[in-house]
Amino acid sequence: MTASRRTRGPGLVGLHVVTGGRYEPSRNHFDFVTSVCLANPGLERTGLTPEQRRVLELCQPGALSVAEVGAYLELPLSVLRILLADLMERGHITTNGKFYAVQTADRQLLEAVLEGLHNL
């Protein structure tokens, strides 16, 4: 047994096992800021992998970005995209597109802050 195998945790499996040996998702519209949420919370979950079930558990309270899901599962984006594509094809999840923190600044507020800074 090599040293790398001995240091692995007991529950860890190779990423090729998690993806079923696939290396490309059937859909390719999942990037880090894509919002993922449950499409049908009551849908039967038999036949799902433990990782896919965990994605559904994470999305139960509400939408998460792909980056957040990946951080919780500690999976690289390439693997996560395959899992998410499978879940989407089975009708478990949907995407709400991308969400960006775009907010117009209040000019009066900015001028008040600038004036306060000048007074320092």
PDB file of N, CA and C in Angstrom:
ATOM      1  N   MET A   1       0.855  -1.180   0.000  1.00  0.00           N
ATOM      2  CA  MET A   1       0.000   0.000   0.000  1.00  0.00           C
ATOM      3  C   MET A   1       0.892   1.230   0.000  1.00  0.00           C
ATOM      4  N   THR A   2       0.549   2.187  -0.847  1.00  0.00           N
ATOM      5  CA  THR A   2       1.350   3.408  -0.924  1.00  0.00           C
ATOM      6  C   THR A   2       1.010   4.341   0.223  1.00  0.00           C
ATOM      7  N   ALA A   3       1.887   5.288   0.451  1.00  0.00           N
ATOM      8  CA  ALA A   3       1.679   6.232   1.547  1.00  0.00           C
ATOM      9  C   ALA A   3       0.420   7.057   1.338  1.00  0.00           C
ATOM     10  N   SER A   4       0.118   7.415   0.090  1.00  0.00           N
ATOM     11  CA  SER A   4      -1.058   8.248  -0.150  1.00  0.00           C
ATOM     12  C   SER A   4      -2.347   7.509   0.200  1.00  0.00           C
ATOM     13  N   ARG A   5      -2.375   6.198   0.003  1.00  0.00           N
ATOM     14  CA  ARG A   5      -3.576   5.440   0.356  1.00  0.00           C
ATOM     15  C   ARG A   5      -3.739   5.326   1.865  1.00  0.00           C
ATOM     16  N   ARG A   6      -2.633   5.231   2.572  1.00  0.00           N
ATOM     17  CA  ARG A   6      -2.718   5.115   4.019  1.00  0.00           C
ATOM     18  C   ARG A   6      -3.197   6.396   4.670  1.00  0.00           C
ATOM     19  N   THR A   7      -2.918   7.544   4.060  1.00  0.00           N
ATOM     20  CA  THR A   7      -3.305   8.805   4.671  1.00  0.00           C
ATOM     21  C   THR A   7      -4.730   9.212   4.307  1.00  0.00           C
ATOM     22  N   ARG A   8      -5.357   8.515   3.382  1.00  0.00           N
ATOM     23  CA  ARG A   8      -6.722   8.830   2.997  1.00  0.00           C
ATOM     24  C   ARG A   8      -7.692   8.514   4.119  1.00  0.00           C
ATOM     25  N   GLY A   9      -8.733   9.313   4.226  1.00  0.00           N
ATOM     26  CA  GLY A   9      -9.764   9.054   5.215  1.00  0.00           C
ATOM     27  C   GLY A   9     -10.557   7.814   4.850  1.00  0.00           C
ATOM     28  N   PRO A  10     -11.236   7.201   5.802  1.00  0.00           N
ATOM     29  CA  PRO A  10     -11.939   5.950   5.550  1.00  0.00           C
ATOM     30  C   PRO A  10     -13.126   6.084   4.599  1.00  0.00           C
ATOM     31  N   GLY A  11     -13.758   7.267   4.529  1.00  0.00           N
ATOM     32  CA  GLY A  11     -14.942   7.403   3.700  1.00  0.00           C
ATOM     33  C   GLY A  11     -14.680   7.979   2.327  1.00  0.00           C
ATOM     34  N   LEU A  12     -13.430   8.246   1.999  1.00  0.00           N
ATOM     35  CA  LEU A  12     -13.126   8.895   0.737  1.00  0.00           C
ATOM     36  C   LEU A  12     -12.987   7.876  -0.383  1.00  0.00           C
ATOM     37  N   VAL A  13     -13.555   8.210  -1.521  1.00  0.00           N
ATOM     38  CA  VAL A  13     -13.424   7.363  -2.705  1.00  0.00           C
ATOM     39  C   VAL A  13     -12.872   8.218  -3.826  1.00  0.00           C
ATOM     40  N   GLY A  14     -12.371   7.560  -4.848  1.00  0.00           N
ATOM     41  CA  GLY A  14     -11.848   8.291  -5.989  1.00  0.00           C
ATOM     42  C   GLY A  14     -12.942   9.090  -6.668  1.00  0.00           C
ATOM     43  N   LEU A  15     -12.560  10.229  -7.224  1.00  0.00           N
ATOM     44  CA  LEU A  15     -13.548  11.099  -7.857  1.00  0.00           C
ATOM     45  C   LEU A  15     -14.192  10.439  -9.065  1.00  0.00           C
ATOM     46  N   HIS A  16     -13.476   9.530  -9.720  1.00  0.00           N
ATOM     47  CA  HIS A  16     -14.074   8.829 -10.852  1.00  0.00           C
ATOM     48  C   HIS A  16     -15.227   7.935 -10.408  1.00  0.00           C
ATOM     49  N   VAL A  17     -15.202   7.492  -9.170  1.00  0.00           N
ATOM     50  CA  VAL A  17     -16.303   6.696  -8.637  1.00  0.00           C
ATOM     51  C   VAL A  17     -17.521   7.584  -8.380  1.00  0.00           C
ATOM     52  N   VAL A  18     -17.276   8.786  -7.880  1.00  0.00           N
ATOM     53  CA  VAL A  18     -18.362   9.730  -7.601  1.00  0.00           C
ATOM     54  C   VAL A  18     -19.105  10.097  -8.882  1.00  0.00           C
ATOM     55  N   THR A  19     -18.375  10.212  -9.990  1.00  0.00           N
ATOM     56  CA  THR A  19     -18.990  10.612 -11.261  1.00  0.00           C
ATOM     57  C   THR A  19     -19.404   9.436 -12.125  1.00  0.00           C
ATOM     58  N   GLY A  20     -19.214   8.237 -11.646  1.00  0.00           N
ATOM     59  CA  GLY A  20     -19.558   7.065 -12.442  1.00  0.00           C
ATOM     60  C   GLY A  20     -18.621   6.880 -13.622  1.00  0.00           C
ATOM     61  N   GLY A  21     -17.404   7.382 -13.506  1.00  0.00           N
ATOM     62  CA  GLY A  21     -16.417   7.238 -14.559  1.00  0.00           C
ATOM     63  C   GLY A  21     -16.512   8.299 -15.647  1.00  0.00           C
ATOM     64  N   ARG A  22     -17.476   9.187 -15.541  1.00  0.00           N
ATOM     65  CA  ARG A  22     -17.638  10.228 -16.556  1.00  0.00           C
ATOM     66  C   ARG A  22     -16.748  11.418 -16.237  1.00  0.00           C
ATOM     67  N   TYR A  23     -16.360  12.129 -17.278  1.00  0.00           N
ATOM     68  CA  TYR A  23     -15.514  13.301 -17.079  1.00  0.00           C
ATOM     69  C   TYR A  23     -16.120  14.568 -17.642  1.00  0.00           C
ATOM     70  N   GLU A  24     -17.308  14.480 -18.250  1.00  0.00           N
ATOM     71  CA  GLU A  24     -17.991  15.665 -18.757  1.00  0.00           C
ATOM     72  C   GLU A  24     -19.456  15.629 -18.353  1.00  0.00           C
ATOM     73  N   PRO A  25     -20.011  16.767 -17.969  1.00  0.00           N
ATOM     74  CA  PRO A  25     -21.442  16.809 -17.649  1.00  0.00           C
ATOM     75  C   PRO A  25     -22.273  16.797 -18.927  1.00  0.00           C
ATOM     76  N   SER A  26     -23.502  16.347 -18.806  1.00  0.00           N
ATOM     77  CA  SER A  26     -24.399  16.355 -19.958  1.00  0.00           C
ATOM     78  C   SER A  26     -24.873  17.770 -20.275  1.00  0.00           C
ATOM     79  N   ARG A  27     -24.820  18.651 -19.296  1.00  0.00           N
ATOM     80  CA  ARG A  27     -25.149  20.067 -19.471  1.00  0.00           C
ATOM     81  C   ARG A  27     -23.961  20.869 -18.975  1.00  0.00           C
ATOM     82  N   ASN A  28     -23.726  21.989 -19.598  1.00  0.00           N
ATOM     83  CA  ASN A  28     -22.555  22.746 -19.196  1.00  0.00           C
ATOM     84  C   ASN A  28     -22.925  24.196 -18.896  1.00  0.00           C
ATOM     85  N   HIS A  29     -23.861  24.406 -17.995  1.00  0.00           N
ATOM     86  CA  HIS A  29     -24.190  25.773 -17.629  1.00  0.00           C
ATOM     87  C   HIS A  29     -24.079  26.014 -16.123  1.00  0.00           C
ATOM     88  N   PHE A  30     -23.240  25.240 -15.478  1.00  0.00           N
ATOM     89  CA  PHE A  30     -23.007  25.442 -14.053  1.00  0.00           C
ATOM     90  C   PHE A  30     -21.650  26.107 -13.866  1.00  0.00           C
ATOM     91  N   ASP A  31     -21.666  27.364 -13.464  1.00  0.00           N
ATOM     92  CA  ASP A  31     -20.420  27.989 -13.072  1.00  0.00           C
ATOM     93  C   ASP A  31     -20.522  28.363 -11.592  1.00  0.00           C
ATOM     94  N   PHE A  32     -19.499  28.984 -11.056  1.00  0.00           N
ATOM     95  CA  PHE A  32     -19.452  29.219  -9.614  1.00  0.00           C
ATOM     96  C   PHE A  32     -20.615  30.041  -9.072  1.00  0.00           C
ATOM     97  N   VAL A  33     -21.143  30.964  -9.854  1.00  0.00           N
ATOM     98  CA  VAL A  33     -22.182  31.844  -9.334  1.00  0.00           C
ATOM     99  C   VAL A  33     -23.597  31.421  -9.725  1.00  0.00           C
ATOM    100  N   THR A  34     -23.735  30.287 -10.398  1.00  0.00           N
ATOM    101  CA  THR A  34     -25.063  29.802 -10.746  1.00  0.00           C
ATOM    102  C   THR A  34     -25.799  29.390  -9.482  1.00  0.00           C
ATOM    103  N   SER A  35     -27.022  29.834  -9.363  1.00  0.00           N
ATOM    104  CA  SER A  35     -27.858  29.525  -8.205  1.00  0.00           C
ATOM    105  C   SER A  35     -28.595  28.211  -8.447  1.00  0.00           C
ATOM    106  N   VAL A  36     -28.476  27.289  -7.503  1.00  0.00           N
ATOM    107  CA  VAL A  36     -29.104  25.971  -7.609  1.00  0.00           C
ATOM    108  C   VAL A  36     -30.156  25.850  -6.509  1.00  0.00           C
ATOM    109  N   CYS A  37     -31.347  25.380  -6.885  1.00  0.00           N
ATOM    110  CA  CYS A  37     -32.389  25.167  -5.880  1.00  0.00           C
ATOM    111  C   CYS A  37     -33.201  23.925  -6.241  1.00  0.00           C
ATOM    112  N   LEU A  38     -33.969  23.441  -5.277  1.00  0.00           N
ATOM    113  CA  LEU A  38     -34.788  22.258  -5.498  1.00  0.00           C
ATOM    114  C   LEU A  38     -35.914  22.581  -6.462  1.00  0.00           C
ATOM    115  N   ALA A  39     -36.128  21.685  -7.410  1.00  0.00           N
ATOM    116  CA  ALA A  39     -37.220  21.856  -8.365  1.00  0.00           C
ATOM    117  C   ALA A  39     -38.480  21.178  -7.852  1.00  0.00           C
ATOM    118  N   ASN A  40     -38.299  20.008  -7.241  1.00  0.00           N
ATOM    119  CA  ASN A  40     -39.427  19.223  -6.761  1.00  0.00           C
ATOM    120  C   ASN A  40     -39.001  18.511  -5.479  1.00  0.00           C
ATOM    121  N   PRO A  41     -39.206  19.139  -4.316  1.00  0.00           N
ATOM    122  CA  PRO A  41     -38.715  18.568  -3.064  1.00  0.00           C
ATOM    123  C   PRO A  41     -39.278  17.181  -2.743  1.00  0.00           C
ATOM    124  N   GLY A  42     -40.458  16.841  -3.247  1.00  0.00           N
ATOM    125  CA  GLY A  42     -41.073  15.558  -2.934  1.00  0.00           C
ATOM    126  C   GLY A  42     -40.689  14.433  -3.865  1.00  0.00           C
ATOM    127  N   LEU A  43     -39.799  14.687  -4.825  1.00  0.00           N
ATOM    128  CA  LEU A  43     -39.409  13.681  -5.802  1.00  0.00           C
ATOM    129  C   LEU A  43     -38.642  12.546  -5.128  1.00  0.00           C
ATOM    130  N   GLU A  44     -38.913  11.322  -5.540  1.00  0.00           N
ATOM    131  CA  GLU A  44     -38.270  10.127  -4.972  1.00  0.00           C
ATOM    132  C   GLU A  44     -36.754  10.207  -5.162  1.00  0.00           C
ATOM    133  N   ARG A  45     -36.014   9.847  -4.129  1.00  0.00           N
ATOM    134  CA  ARG A  45     -34.558   9.972  -4.154  1.00  0.00           C
ATOM    135  C   ARG A  45     -33.840   8.640  -4.250  1.00  0.00           C
ATOM    136  N   THR A  46     -34.556   7.579  -4.557  1.00  0.00           N
ATOM    137  CA  THR A  46     -33.892   6.286  -4.700  1.00  0.00           C
ATOM    138  C   THR A  46     -33.005   6.309  -5.939  1.00  0.00           C
ATOM    139  N   GLY A  47     -31.900   5.630  -5.847  1.00  0.00           N
ATOM    140  CA  GLY A  47     -30.965   5.578  -6.960  1.00  0.00           C
ATOM    141  C   GLY A  47     -29.970   6.718  -6.999  1.00  0.00           C
ATOM    142  N   LEU A  48     -30.068   7.640  -6.063  1.00  0.00           N
ATOM    143  CA  LEU A  48     -29.116   8.753  -6.008  1.00  0.00           C
ATOM    144  C   LEU A  48     -27.885   8.363  -5.205  1.00  0.00           C
ATOM    145  N   THR A  49     -26.763   8.937  -5.564  1.00  0.00           N
ATOM    146  CA  THR A  49     -25.535   8.694  -4.814  1.00  0.00           C
ATOM    147  C   THR A  49     -25.581   9.483  -3.506  1.00  0.00           C
ATOM    148  N   PRO A  50     -24.746   9.136  -2.552  1.00  0.00           N
ATOM    149  CA  PRO A  50     -24.708   9.914  -1.308  1.00  0.00           C
ATOM    150  C   PRO A  50     -24.382  11.392  -1.552  1.00  0.00           C
ATOM    151  N   GLU A  51     -23.525  11.666  -2.518  1.00  0.00           N
ATOM    152  CA  GLU A  51     -23.180  13.045  -2.825  1.00  0.00           C
ATOM    153  C   GLU A  51     -24.383  13.788  -3.400  1.00  0.00           C
ATOM    154  N   GLN A  52     -25.142  13.140  -4.255  1.00  0.00           N
ATOM    155  CA  GLN A  52     -26.334  13.770  -4.817  1.00  0.00           C
ATOM    156  C   GLN A  52     -27.382  14.022  -3.740  1.00  0.00           C
ATOM    157  N   ARG A  53     -27.529  13.086  -2.834  1.00  0.00           N
ATOM    158  CA  ARG A  53     -28.469  13.295  -1.719  1.00  0.00           C
ATOM    159  C   ARG A  53     -28.035  14.471  -0.850  1.00  0.00           C
ATOM    160  N   ARG A  54     -26.740  14.596  -0.649  1.00  0.00           N
ATOM    161  CA  ARG A  54     -26.223  15.701   0.162  1.00  0.00           C
ATOM    162  C   ARG A  54     -26.490  17.045  -0.522  1.00  0.00           C
ATOM    163  N   VAL A  55     -26.364  17.096  -1.854  1.00  0.00           N
ATOM    164  CA  VAL A  55     -26.678  18.325  -2.583  1.00  0.00           C
ATOM    165  C   VAL A  55     -28.127  18.713  -2.325  1.00  0.00           C
ATOM    166  N   LEU A  56     -29.026  17.740  -2.389  1.00  0.00           N
ATOM    167  CA  LEU A  56     -30.446  18.028  -2.159  1.00  0.00           C
ATOM    168  C   LEU A  56     -30.696  18.483  -0.729  1.00  0.00           C
ATOM    169  N   GLU A  57     -30.002  17.890   0.230  1.00  0.00           N
ATOM    170  CA  GLU A  57     -30.135  18.320   1.630  1.00  0.00           C
ATOM    171  C   GLU A  57     -29.661  19.760   1.798  1.00  0.00           C
ATOM    172  N   LEU A  58     -28.555  20.092   1.146  1.00  0.00           N
ATOM    173  CA  LEU A  58     -28.016  21.454   1.254  1.00  0.00           C
ATOM    174  C   LEU A  58     -28.961  22.483   0.649  1.00  0.00           C
ATOM    175  N   CYS A  59     -29.651  22.105  -0.422  1.00  0.00           N
ATOM    176  CA  CYS A  59     -30.550  23.041  -1.115  1.00  0.00           C
ATOM    177  C   CYS A  59     -31.946  23.070  -0.503  1.00  0.00           C
ATOM    178  N   GLN A  60     -32.208  22.229   0.476  1.00  0.00           N
ATOM    179  CA  GLN A  60     -33.533  22.171   1.096  1.00  0.00           C
ATOM    180  C   GLN A  60     -33.987  23.508   1.674  1.00  0.00           C
ATOM    181  N   PRO A  61     -33.145  24.216   2.437  1.00  0.00           N
ATOM    182  CA  PRO A  61     -33.596  25.501   2.989  1.00  0.00           C
ATOM    183  C   PRO A  61     -33.769  26.590   1.940  1.00  0.00           C
ATOM    184  N   GLY A  62     -33.036  26.511   0.844  1.00  0.00           N
ATOM    185  CA  GLY A  62     -33.120  27.547  -0.182  1.00  0.00           C
ATOM    186  C   GLY A  62     -31.979  27.425  -1.171  1.00  0.00           C
ATOM    187  N   ALA A  63     -31.930  28.330  -2.106  1.00  0.00           N
ATOM    188  CA  ALA A  63     -30.935  28.292  -3.178  1.00  0.00           C
ATOM    189  C   ALA A  63     -29.524  28.526  -2.647  1.00  0.00           C
ATOM    190  N   LEU A  64     -28.589  27.841  -3.278  1.00  0.00           N
ATOM    191  CA  LEU A  64     -27.161  28.017  -2.999  1.00  0.00           C
ATOM    192  C   LEU A  64     -26.435  28.183  -4.315  1.00  0.00           C
ATOM    193  N   SER A  65     -25.321  28.863  -4.290  1.00  0.00           N
ATOM    194  CA  SER A  65     -24.496  28.949  -5.489  1.00  0.00           C
ATOM    195  C   SER A  65     -23.736  27.635  -5.650  1.00  0.00           C
ATOM    196  N   VAL A  66     -23.296  27.375  -6.855  1.00  0.00           N
ATOM    197  CA  VAL A  66     -22.497  26.178  -7.119  1.00  0.00           C
ATOM    198  C   VAL A  66     -21.233  26.197  -6.266  1.00  0.00           C
ATOM    199  N   ALA A  67     -20.651  27.370  -6.076  1.00  0.00           N
ATOM    200  CA  ALA A  67     -19.449  27.495  -5.251  1.00  0.00           C
ATOM    201  C   ALA A  67     -19.720  27.062  -3.812  1.00  0.00           C
ATOM    202  N   GLU A  68     -20.874  27.450  -3.273  1.00  0.00           N
ATOM    203  CA  GLU A  68     -21.218  27.070  -1.902  1.00  0.00           C
ATOM    204  C   GLU A  68     -21.417  25.558  -1.784  1.00  0.00           C
ATOM    205  N   VAL A  69     -22.117  24.977  -2.739  1.00  0.00           N
ATOM    206  CA  VAL A  69     -22.337  23.528  -2.724  1.00  0.00           C
ATOM    207  C   VAL A  69     -20.998  22.804  -2.797  1.00  0.00           C
ATOM    208  N   GLY A  70     -20.111  23.264  -3.677  1.00  0.00           N
ATOM    209  CA  GLY A  70     -18.796  22.655  -3.804  1.00  0.00           C
ATOM    210  C   GLY A  70     -17.974  22.754  -2.536  1.00  0.00           C
ATOM    211  N   ALA A  71     -18.098  23.882  -1.845  1.00  0.00           N
ATOM    212  CA  ALA A  71     -17.356  24.053  -0.591  1.00  0.00           C
ATOM    213  C   ALA A  71     -17.869  23.096   0.483  1.00  0.00           C
ATOM    214  N   TYR A  72     -19.179  22.959   0.576  1.00  0.00           N
ATOM    215  CA  TYR A  72     -19.737  22.038   1.567  1.00  0.00           C
ATOM    216  C   TYR A  72     -19.348  20.589   1.269  1.00  0.00           C
ATOM    217  N   LEU A  73     -19.375  20.205   0.009  1.00  0.00           N
ATOM    218  CA  LEU A  73     -19.073  18.822  -0.359  1.00  0.00           C
ATOM    219  C   LEU A  73     -17.581  18.560  -0.527  1.00  0.00           C
ATOM    220  N   GLU A  74     -16.787  19.635  -0.574  1.00  0.00           N
ATOM    221  CA  GLU A  74     -15.348  19.528  -0.795  1.00  0.00           C
ATOM    222  C   GLU A  74     -15.051  18.763  -2.084  1.00  0.00           C
ATOM    223  N   LEU A  75     -15.763  19.149  -3.148  1.00  0.00           N
ATOM    224  CA  LEU A  75     -15.569  18.538  -4.456  1.00  0.00           C
ATOM    225  C   LEU A  75     -15.140  19.608  -5.453  1.00  0.00           C
ATOM    226  N   PRO A  76     -14.292  19.244  -6.407  1.00  0.00           N
ATOM    227  CA  PRO A  76     -13.911  20.203  -7.439  1.00  0.00           C
ATOM    228  C   PRO A  76     -15.093  20.500  -8.363  1.00  0.00           C
ATOM    229  N   LEU A  77     -15.034  21.646  -9.019  1.00  0.00           N
ATOM    230  CA  LEU A  77     -16.122  22.075  -9.882  1.00  0.00           C
ATOM    231  C   LEU A  77     -16.389  21.076 -10.998  1.00  0.00           C
ATOM    232  N   SER A  78     -15.365  20.456 -11.538  1.00  0.00           N
ATOM    233  CA  SER A  78     -15.546  19.509 -12.634  1.00  0.00           C
ATOM    234  C   SER A  78     -16.421  18.322 -12.206  1.00  0.00           C
ATOM    235  N   VAL A  79     -16.224  17.835 -11.009  1.00  0.00           N
ATOM    236  CA  VAL A  79     -17.021  16.718 -10.495  1.00  0.00           C
ATOM    237  C   VAL A  79     -18.419  17.203 -10.129  1.00  0.00           C
ATOM    238  N   LEU A  80     -18.496  18.348  -9.505  1.00  0.00           N
ATOM    239  CA  LEU A  80     -19.786  18.895  -9.076  1.00  0.00           C
ATOM    240  C   LEU A  80     -20.697  19.159 -10.266  1.00  0.00           C
ATOM    241  N   ARG A  81     -20.146  19.624 -11.366  1.00  0.00           N
ATOM    242  CA  ARG A  81     -20.953  19.870 -12.567  1.00  0.00           C
ATOM    243  C   ARG A  81     -21.634  18.594 -13.050  1.00  0.00           C
ATOM    244  N   ILE A  82     -20.944  17.487 -12.983  1.00  0.00           N
ATOM    245  CA  ILE A  82     -21.522  16.208 -13.413  1.00  0.00           C
ATOM    246  C   ILE A  82     -22.659  15.814 -12.484  1.00  0.00           C
ATOM    247  N   LEU A  83     -22.453  15.943 -11.173  1.00  0.00           N
ATOM    248  CA  LEU A  83     -23.505  15.606 -10.210  1.00  0.00           C
ATOM    249  C   LEU A  83     -24.733  16.495 -10.402  1.00  0.00           C
ATOM    250  N   LEU A  84     -24.499  17.783 -10.579  1.00  0.00           N
ATOM    251  CA  LEU A  84     -25.611  18.720 -10.743  1.00  0.00           C
ATOM    252  C   LEU A  84     -26.364  18.483 -12.047  1.00  0.00           C
ATOM    253  N   ALA A  85     -25.642  18.171 -13.111  1.00  0.00           N
ATOM    254  CA  ALA A  85     -26.296  17.891 -14.392  1.00  0.00           C
ATOM    255  C   ALA A  85     -27.192  16.657 -14.270  1.00  0.00           C
ATOM    256  N   ASP A  86     -26.706  15.637 -13.577  1.00  0.00           N
ATOM    257  CA  ASP A  86     -27.523  14.433 -13.367  1.00  0.00           C
ATOM    258  C   ASP A  86     -28.780  14.753 -12.564  1.00  0.00           C
ATOM    259  N   LEU A  87     -28.618  15.552 -11.507  1.00  0.00           N
ATOM    260  CA  LEU A  87     -29.774  15.924 -10.688  1.00  0.00           C
ATOM    261  C   LEU A  87     -30.775  16.759 -11.482  1.00  0.00           C
ATOM    262  N   MET A  88     -30.287  17.611 -12.342  1.00  0.00           N
ATOM    263  CA  MET A  88     -31.181  18.435 -13.156  1.00  0.00           C
ATOM    264  C   MET A  88     -31.953  17.568 -14.160  1.00  0.00           C
ATOM    265  N   GLU A  89     -31.276  16.627 -14.770  1.00  0.00           N
ATOM    266  CA  GLU A  89     -31.938  15.753 -15.741  1.00  0.00           C
ATOM    267  C   GLU A  89     -33.005  14.876 -15.096  1.00  0.00           C
ATOM    268  N   ARG A  90     -32.810  14.538 -13.836  1.00  0.00           N
ATOM    269  CA  ARG A  90     -33.797  13.719 -13.123  1.00  0.00           C
ATOM    270  C   ARG A  90     -34.919  14.570 -12.523  1.00  0.00           C
ATOM    271  N   GLY A  91     -34.840  15.881 -12.667  1.00  0.00           N
ATOM    272  CA  GLY A  91     -35.891  16.767 -12.199  1.00  0.00           C
ATOM    273  C   GLY A  91     -35.795  17.187 -10.749  1.00  0.00           C
ATOM    274  N   HIS A  92     -34.655  16.935 -10.113  1.00  0.00           N
ATOM    275  CA  HIS A  92     -34.493  17.262  -8.697  1.00  0.00           C
ATOM    276  C   HIS A  92     -34.150  18.727  -8.451  1.00  0.00           C
ATOM    277  N   ILE A  93     -33.337  19.305  -9.335  1.00  0.00           N
ATOM    278  CA  ILE A  93     -32.904  20.689  -9.120  1.00  0.00           C
ATOM    279  C   ILE A  93     -33.193  21.529 -10.354  1.00  0.00           C
ATOM    280  N   THR A  94     -33.144  22.818 -10.151  1.00  0.00           N
ATOM    281  CA  THR A  94     -33.231  23.778 -11.239  1.00  0.00           C
ATOM    282  C   THR A  94     -32.265  24.905 -10.925  1.00  0.00           C
ATOM    283  N   THR A  95     -32.011  25.721 -11.921  1.00  0.00           N
ATOM    284  CA  THR A  95     -31.136  26.864 -11.694  1.00  0.00           C
ATOM    285  C   THR A  95     -31.944  28.129 -11.875  1.00  0.00           C
ATOM    286  N   ASN A  96     -31.562  29.118 -11.128  1.00  0.00           N
ATOM    287  CA  ASN A  96     -32.189  30.430 -11.248  1.00  0.00           C
ATOM    288  C   ASN A  96     -31.262  31.379 -11.965  1.00  0.00           C
ATOM    289  N   GLY A  97     -30.430  30.842 -12.815  1.00  0.00           N
ATOM    290  CA  GLY A  97     -29.468  31.682 -13.509  1.00  0.00           C
ATOM    291  C   GLY A  97     -28.363  32.105 -12.564  1.00  0.00           C
ATOM    292  N   LYS A  98     -27.844  33.276 -12.809  1.00  0.00           N
ATOM    293  CA  LYS A  98     -26.748  33.793 -11.989  1.00  0.00           C
ATOM    294  C   LYS A  98     -27.265  34.945 -11.148  1.00  0.00           C
ATOM    295  N   PHE A  99     -26.723  35.071  -9.969  1.00  0.00           N
ATOM    296  CA  PHE A  99     -27.094  36.224  -9.167  1.00  0.00           C
ATOM    297  C   PHE A  99     -25.845  37.027  -8.861  1.00  0.00           C
ATOM    298  N   TYR A 100     -25.965  38.296  -9.095  1.00  0.00           N
ATOM    299  CA  TYR A 100     -24.862  39.213  -8.870  1.00  0.00           C
ATOM    300  C   TYR A 100     -25.334  40.292  -7.906  1.00  0.00           C
ATOM    301  N   ALA A 101     -24.451  40.757  -7.092  1.00  0.00           N
ATOM    302  CA  ALA A 101     -24.780  41.808  -6.139  1.00  0.00           C
ATOM    303  C   ALA A 101     -24.669  43.158  -6.851  1.00  0.00           C
ATOM    304  N   VAL A 102     -25.680  43.477  -7.609  1.00  0.00           N
ATOM    305  CA  VAL A 102     -25.707  44.738  -8.332  1.00  0.00           C
ATOM    306  C   VAL A 102     -26.730  45.628  -7.653  1.00  0.00           C
ATOM    307  N   GLN A 103     -26.253  46.712  -7.134  1.00  0.00           N
ATOM    308  CA  GLN A 103     -27.132  47.641  -6.452  1.00  0.00           C
ATOM    309  C   GLN A 103     -26.660  49.046  -6.792  1.00  0.00           C
ATOM    310  N   THR A 104     -27.566  49.864  -7.192  1.00  0.00           N
ATOM    311  CA  THR A 104     -27.171  51.234  -7.509  1.00  0.00           C
ATOM    312  C   THR A 104     -26.910  51.993  -6.213  1.00  0.00           C
ATOM    313  N   ALA A 105     -25.861  52.770  -6.246  1.00  0.00           N
ATOM    314  CA  ALA A 105     -25.485  53.535  -5.065  1.00  0.00           C
ATOM    315  C   ALA A 105     -26.358  54.785  -4.956  1.00  0.00           C
ATOM    316  N   ASP A 106     -26.679  55.143  -3.737  1.00  0.00           N
ATOM    317  CA  ASP A 106     -27.448  56.360  -3.471  1.00  0.00           C
ATOM    318  C   ASP A 106     -26.465  57.537  -3.499  1.00  0.00           C
ATOM    319  N   ARG A 107     -26.672  58.422  -4.442  1.00  0.00           N
ATOM    320  CA  ARG A 107     -25.749  59.547  -4.624  1.00  0.00           C
ATOM    321  C   ARG A 107     -25.648  60.411  -3.361  1.00  0.00           C
ATOM    322  N   GLN A 108     -26.767  60.677  -2.712  1.00  0.00           N
ATOM    323  CA  GLN A 108     -26.751  61.514  -1.502  1.00  0.00           C
ATOM    324  C   GLN A 108     -25.933  60.859  -0.396  1.00  0.00           C
ATOM    325  N   LEU A 109     -26.059  59.555  -0.272  1.00  0.00           N
ATOM    326  CA  LEU A 109     -25.297  58.836   0.745  1.00  0.00           C
ATOM    327  C   LEU A 109     -23.802  58.924   0.447  1.00  0.00           C
ATOM    328  N   LEU A 110     -23.440  58.728  -0.814  1.00  0.00           N
ATOM    329  CA  LEU A 110     -22.028  58.813  -1.183  1.00  0.00           C
ATOM    330  C   LEU A 110     -21.461  60.208  -0.951  1.00  0.00           C
ATOM    331  N   GLU A 111     -22.244  61.233  -1.264  1.00  0.00           N
ATOM    332  CA  GLU A 111     -21.781  62.602  -1.031  1.00  0.00           C
ATOM    333  C   GLU A 111     -21.629  62.889   0.453  1.00  0.00           C
ATOM    334  N   ALA A 112     -22.532  62.354   1.286  1.00  0.00           N
ATOM    335  CA  ALA A 112     -22.431  62.537   2.736  1.00  0.00           C
ATOM    336  C   ALA A 112     -21.188  61.847   3.282  1.00  0.00           C
ATOM    337  N   VAL A 113     -20.880  60.654   2.768  1.00  0.00           N
ATOM    338  CA  VAL A 113     -19.677  59.935   3.191  1.00  0.00           C
ATOM    339  C   VAL A 113     -18.437  60.708   2.773  1.00  0.00           C
ATOM    340  N   LEU A 114     -18.429  61.196   1.539  1.00  0.00           N
ATOM    341  CA  LEU A 114     -17.294  61.980   1.057  1.00  0.00           C
ATOM    342  C   LEU A 114     -17.088  63.238   1.888  1.00  0.00           C
ATOM    343  N   GLU A 115     -18.176  63.917   2.217  1.00  0.00           N
ATOM    344  CA  GLU A 115     -18.078  65.124   3.047  1.00  0.00           C
ATOM    345  C   GLU A 115     -17.532  64.772   4.431  1.00  0.00           C
ATOM    346  N   GLY A 116     -17.997  63.671   4.984  1.00  0.00           N
ATOM    347  CA  GLY A 116     -17.492  63.232   6.290  1.00  0.00           C
ATOM    348  C   GLY A 116     -15.991  62.921   6.247  1.00  0.00           C
ATOM    349  N   LEU A 117     -15.558  62.313   5.156  1.00  0.00           N
ATOM    350  CA  LEU A 117     -14.123  62.016   5.023  1.00  0.00           C
ATOM    351  C   LEU A 117     -13.302  63.290   4.897  1.00  0.00           C
ATOM    352  N   HIS A 118     -13.829  64.261   4.166  1.00  0.00           N
ATOM    353  CA  HIS A 118     -13.126  65.539   4.042  1.00  0.00           C
ATOM    354  C   HIS A 118     -13.025  66.248   5.397  1.00  0.00           C
ATOM    355  N   ASN A 119     -13.991  66.074   6.239  1.00  0.00           N
ATOM    356  CA  ASN A 119     -13.999  66.732   7.558  1.00  0.00           C
ATOM    357  C   ASN A 119     -13.034  66.077   8.552  1.00  0.00           C
ATOM    358  N   LEU A 120     -12.545  64.906   8.234  1.00  0.00           N
ATOM    359  CA  LEU A 120     -11.610  64.231   9.158  1.00  0.00           C
ATOM    360  C   LEU A 120     -10.308  64.913   9.225  1.00  0.00           C
TER     361      LEU A 120
END
